[in-house]
Amino acid sequence: MIDMPPPPEPPALPSEKVRDLIDYADRMAAFISAETELIGELGRAPAENNLTPLIEGWRFVAQAMRDSYDGQC
């Protein structure tokens, strides 16, 4: 059986900084979503300008921060 180390703890950050980072990640996802919509309106090829992985990445970061700092914000 594999000997698992304990899970890492998130770095200690002031609650305000955690909220700011979560907000930043949420706003980046919203901004890139708006860019994707604009690309579509301009008729650019979606396959060449697919920003969905970036949007999902920013949403994942925001949720991971919420989960990691649950109760601390």
N, C-alpha and C. Protein backbone atom coordinates (compact mmCIF):
# COMPACT_ATOMS: atom_id res chain seq x y z
N MET A 1 0.84 -1.18 0.00
CA MET A 1 0.00 0.00 0.00
C MET A 1 0.89 1.25 0.00
N ILE A 2 0.44 2.25 -0.71
CA ILE A 2 1.20 3.51 -0.81
C ILE A 2 1.02 4.30 0.48
N ASP A 3 2.11 4.80 1.01
CA ASP A 3 2.07 5.64 2.20
C ASP A 3 1.81 7.08 1.76
N MET A 4 0.59 7.54 2.00
CA MET A 4 0.18 8.87 1.55
C MET A 4 0.60 9.94 2.55
N PRO A 5 1.19 11.01 2.04
CA PRO A 5 1.48 12.13 2.94
C PRO A 5 0.18 12.87 3.27
N PRO A 6 0.18 13.67 4.31
CA PRO A 6 -1.03 14.44 4.62
C PRO A 6 -1.28 15.47 3.51
N PRO A 7 -2.53 15.84 3.30
CA PRO A 7 -2.81 16.83 2.27
C PRO A 7 -2.20 18.18 2.64
N PRO A 8 -1.76 18.92 1.64
CA PRO A 8 -1.17 20.23 1.95
C PRO A 8 -2.24 21.22 2.41
N GLU A 9 -1.82 22.13 3.23
CA GLU A 9 -2.69 23.21 3.69
C GLU A 9 -2.45 24.43 2.83
N PRO A 10 -3.49 25.22 2.56
CA PRO A 10 -3.26 26.44 1.80
C PRO A 10 -2.43 27.42 2.62
N PRO A 11 -1.70 28.30 1.95
CA PRO A 11 -0.91 29.27 2.71
C PRO A 11 -1.82 30.19 3.53
N ALA A 12 -1.31 30.62 4.66
CA ALA A 12 -2.07 31.53 5.50
C ALA A 12 -2.12 32.90 4.84
N LEU A 13 -3.32 33.34 4.52
CA LEU A 13 -3.52 34.65 3.89
C LEU A 13 -4.61 35.38 4.65
N PRO A 14 -4.51 36.70 4.71
CA PRO A 14 -5.61 37.46 5.32
C PRO A 14 -6.90 37.22 4.52
N SER A 15 -8.01 37.18 5.20
CA SER A 15 -9.31 36.93 4.56
C SER A 15 -9.56 37.89 3.40
N GLU A 16 -9.18 39.14 3.57
CA GLU A 16 -9.39 40.14 2.50
C GLU A 16 -8.64 39.75 1.23
N LYS A 17 -7.42 39.26 1.37
CA LYS A 17 -6.62 38.85 0.21
C LYS A 17 -7.24 37.64 -0.48
N VAL A 18 -7.76 36.70 0.31
CA VAL A 18 -8.41 35.52 -0.26
C VAL A 18 -9.63 35.96 -1.06
N ARG A 19 -10.45 36.83 -0.47
CA ARG A 19 -11.63 37.33 -1.19
C ARG A 19 -11.23 38.05 -2.47
N ASP A 20 -10.15 38.85 -2.41
CA ASP A 20 -9.67 39.56 -3.60
C ASP A 20 -9.22 38.59 -4.69
N LEU A 21 -8.53 37.53 -4.32
CA LEU A 21 -8.08 36.55 -5.31
C LEU A 21 -9.26 35.79 -5.94
N ILE A 22 -10.23 35.44 -5.12
CA ILE A 22 -11.42 34.76 -5.64
C ILE A 22 -12.17 35.70 -6.59
N ASP A 23 -12.31 36.95 -6.19
CA ASP A 23 -12.99 37.93 -7.04
C ASP A 23 -12.24 38.11 -8.36
N TYR A 24 -10.94 38.17 -8.30
CA TYR A 24 -10.13 38.32 -9.51
C TYR A 24 -10.36 37.14 -10.46
N ALA A 25 -10.35 35.94 -9.94
CA ALA A 25 -10.56 34.75 -10.77
C ALA A 25 -11.97 34.76 -11.38
N ASP A 26 -12.97 35.15 -10.60
CA ASP A 26 -14.34 35.25 -11.11
C ASP A 26 -14.42 36.30 -12.22
N ARG A 27 -13.78 37.44 -12.01
CA ARG A 27 -13.82 38.51 -13.01
C ARG A 27 -13.07 38.13 -14.28
N MET A 28 -11.97 37.38 -14.14
CA MET A 28 -11.24 36.92 -15.33
C MET A 28 -12.11 35.97 -16.15
N ALA A 29 -12.81 35.07 -15.49
CA ALA A 29 -13.70 34.15 -16.21
C ALA A 29 -14.79 34.94 -16.95
N ALA A 30 -15.36 35.94 -16.29
CA ALA A 30 -16.40 36.76 -16.92
C ALA A 30 -15.83 37.55 -18.10
N PHE A 31 -14.63 38.10 -17.95
CA PHE A 31 -14.01 38.88 -19.02
C PHE A 31 -13.73 38.00 -20.24
N ILE A 32 -13.16 36.83 -20.01
CA ILE A 32 -12.84 35.94 -21.13
C ILE A 32 -14.12 35.43 -21.79
N SER A 33 -15.17 35.22 -20.99
CA SER A 33 -16.46 34.84 -21.57
C SER A 33 -16.97 35.94 -22.50
N ALA A 34 -16.82 37.20 -22.08
CA ALA A 34 -17.24 38.32 -22.92
C ALA A 34 -16.40 38.37 -24.20
N GLU A 35 -15.10 38.10 -24.07
CA GLU A 35 -14.24 38.05 -25.25
C GLU A 35 -14.70 36.98 -26.23
N THR A 36 -15.08 35.82 -25.70
CA THR A 36 -15.56 34.72 -26.53
C THR A 36 -16.82 35.13 -27.27
N GLU A 37 -17.71 35.81 -26.57
CA GLU A 37 -18.95 36.28 -27.21
C GLU A 37 -18.63 37.28 -28.32
N LEU A 38 -17.70 38.19 -28.06
CA LEU A 38 -17.30 39.16 -29.08
C LEU A 38 -16.68 38.48 -30.29
N ILE A 39 -15.84 37.49 -30.06
CA ILE A 39 -15.23 36.74 -31.16
C ILE A 39 -16.32 36.12 -32.03
N GLY A 40 -17.35 35.58 -31.39
CA GLY A 40 -18.46 35.00 -32.14
C GLY A 40 -19.20 36.05 -32.95
N GLU A 41 -19.44 37.22 -32.34
CA GLU A 41 -20.13 38.30 -33.04
C GLU A 41 -19.32 38.80 -34.24
N LEU A 42 -18.00 38.74 -34.14
CA LEU A 42 -17.15 39.19 -35.23
C LEU A 42 -16.99 38.14 -36.32
N GLY A 43 -17.57 36.96 -36.09
CA GLY A 43 -17.54 35.91 -37.08
C GLY A 43 -16.21 35.18 -37.18
N ARG A 44 -15.41 35.24 -36.15
CA ARG A 44 -14.13 34.53 -36.15
C ARG A 44 -14.37 33.04 -35.93
N ALA A 45 -13.52 32.23 -36.50
CA ALA A 45 -13.66 30.78 -36.37
C ALA A 45 -13.54 30.35 -34.91
N PRO A 46 -14.58 29.73 -34.37
CA PRO A 46 -14.54 29.33 -32.96
C PRO A 46 -13.43 28.32 -32.64
N ALA A 47 -13.10 27.44 -33.57
CA ALA A 47 -12.08 26.44 -33.28
C ALA A 47 -10.72 27.10 -33.07
N GLU A 48 -10.46 28.14 -33.80
CA GLU A 48 -9.18 28.84 -33.69
C GLU A 48 -9.13 29.77 -32.49
N ASN A 49 -10.28 30.18 -32.02
CA ASN A 49 -10.36 31.15 -30.93
C ASN A 49 -11.13 30.60 -29.74
N ASN A 50 -11.00 29.31 -29.49
CA ASN A 50 -11.72 28.67 -28.40
C ASN A 50 -11.06 29.00 -27.06
N LEU A 51 -11.71 29.86 -26.31
CA LEU A 51 -11.20 30.26 -25.00
C LEU A 51 -11.86 29.51 -23.85
N THR A 52 -12.70 28.54 -24.18
CA THR A 52 -13.42 27.77 -23.15
C THR A 52 -12.49 27.15 -22.11
N PRO A 53 -11.35 26.55 -22.51
CA PRO A 53 -10.46 25.99 -21.48
C PRO A 53 -9.94 27.05 -20.50
N LEU A 54 -9.70 28.26 -20.99
CA LEU A 54 -9.25 29.33 -20.09
C LEU A 54 -10.36 29.73 -19.13
N ILE A 55 -11.57 29.84 -19.64
CA ILE A 55 -12.72 30.20 -18.79
C ILE A 55 -12.91 29.14 -17.71
N GLU A 56 -12.89 27.89 -18.13
CA GLU A 56 -13.05 26.80 -17.16
C GLU A 56 -11.92 26.79 -16.14
N GLY A 57 -10.72 27.12 -16.59
CA GLY A 57 -9.58 27.17 -15.67
C GLY A 57 -9.74 28.24 -14.61
N TRP A 58 -10.17 29.43 -15.02
CA TRP A 58 -10.38 30.51 -14.05
C TRP A 58 -11.52 30.17 -13.09
N ARG A 59 -12.57 29.55 -13.61
CA ARG A 59 -13.68 29.14 -12.73
C ARG A 59 -13.20 28.09 -11.73
N PHE A 60 -12.35 27.17 -12.20
CA PHE A 60 -11.80 26.15 -11.32
C PHE A 60 -10.95 26.79 -10.22
N VAL A 61 -10.13 27.76 -10.59
CA VAL A 61 -9.28 28.44 -9.60
C VAL A 61 -10.15 29.11 -8.54
N ALA A 62 -11.19 29.82 -8.99
CA ALA A 62 -12.07 30.49 -8.03
C ALA A 62 -12.71 29.48 -7.08
N GLN A 63 -13.20 28.37 -7.63
CA GLN A 63 -13.85 27.37 -6.77
C GLN A 63 -12.84 26.69 -5.85
N ALA A 64 -11.65 26.43 -6.37
CA ALA A 64 -10.62 25.80 -5.53
C ALA A 64 -10.25 26.71 -4.37
N MET A 65 -10.17 28.02 -4.63
CA MET A 65 -9.88 28.96 -3.54
C MET A 65 -11.01 28.95 -2.52
N ARG A 66 -12.25 28.95 -3.01
CA ARG A 66 -13.38 28.91 -2.07
C ARG A 66 -13.32 27.65 -1.21
N ASP A 67 -13.05 26.52 -1.86
CA ASP A 67 -12.99 25.25 -1.13
C ASP A 67 -11.82 25.21 -0.15
N SER A 68 -10.67 25.72 -0.57
CA SER A 68 -9.47 25.67 0.28
C SER A 68 -9.59 26.57 1.49
N TYR A 69 -10.25 27.71 1.31
CA TYR A 69 -10.34 28.68 2.40
C TYR A 69 -11.75 28.74 2.98
N ASP A 70 -12.52 27.66 2.83
CA ASP A 70 -13.88 27.58 3.32
C ASP A 70 -13.94 27.99 4.79
N GLY A 71 -14.78 28.95 5.07
CA GLY A 71 -14.94 29.41 6.45
C GLY A 71 -13.93 30.45 6.88
N GLN A 72 -12.94 30.74 6.06
CA GLN A 72 -11.94 31.72 6.44
C GLN A 72 -12.18 33.08 5.79
N CYS A 73 -13.15 33.16 4.88
CA CYS A 73 -13.41 34.42 4.17
C CYS A 73 -14.64 35.10 4.69
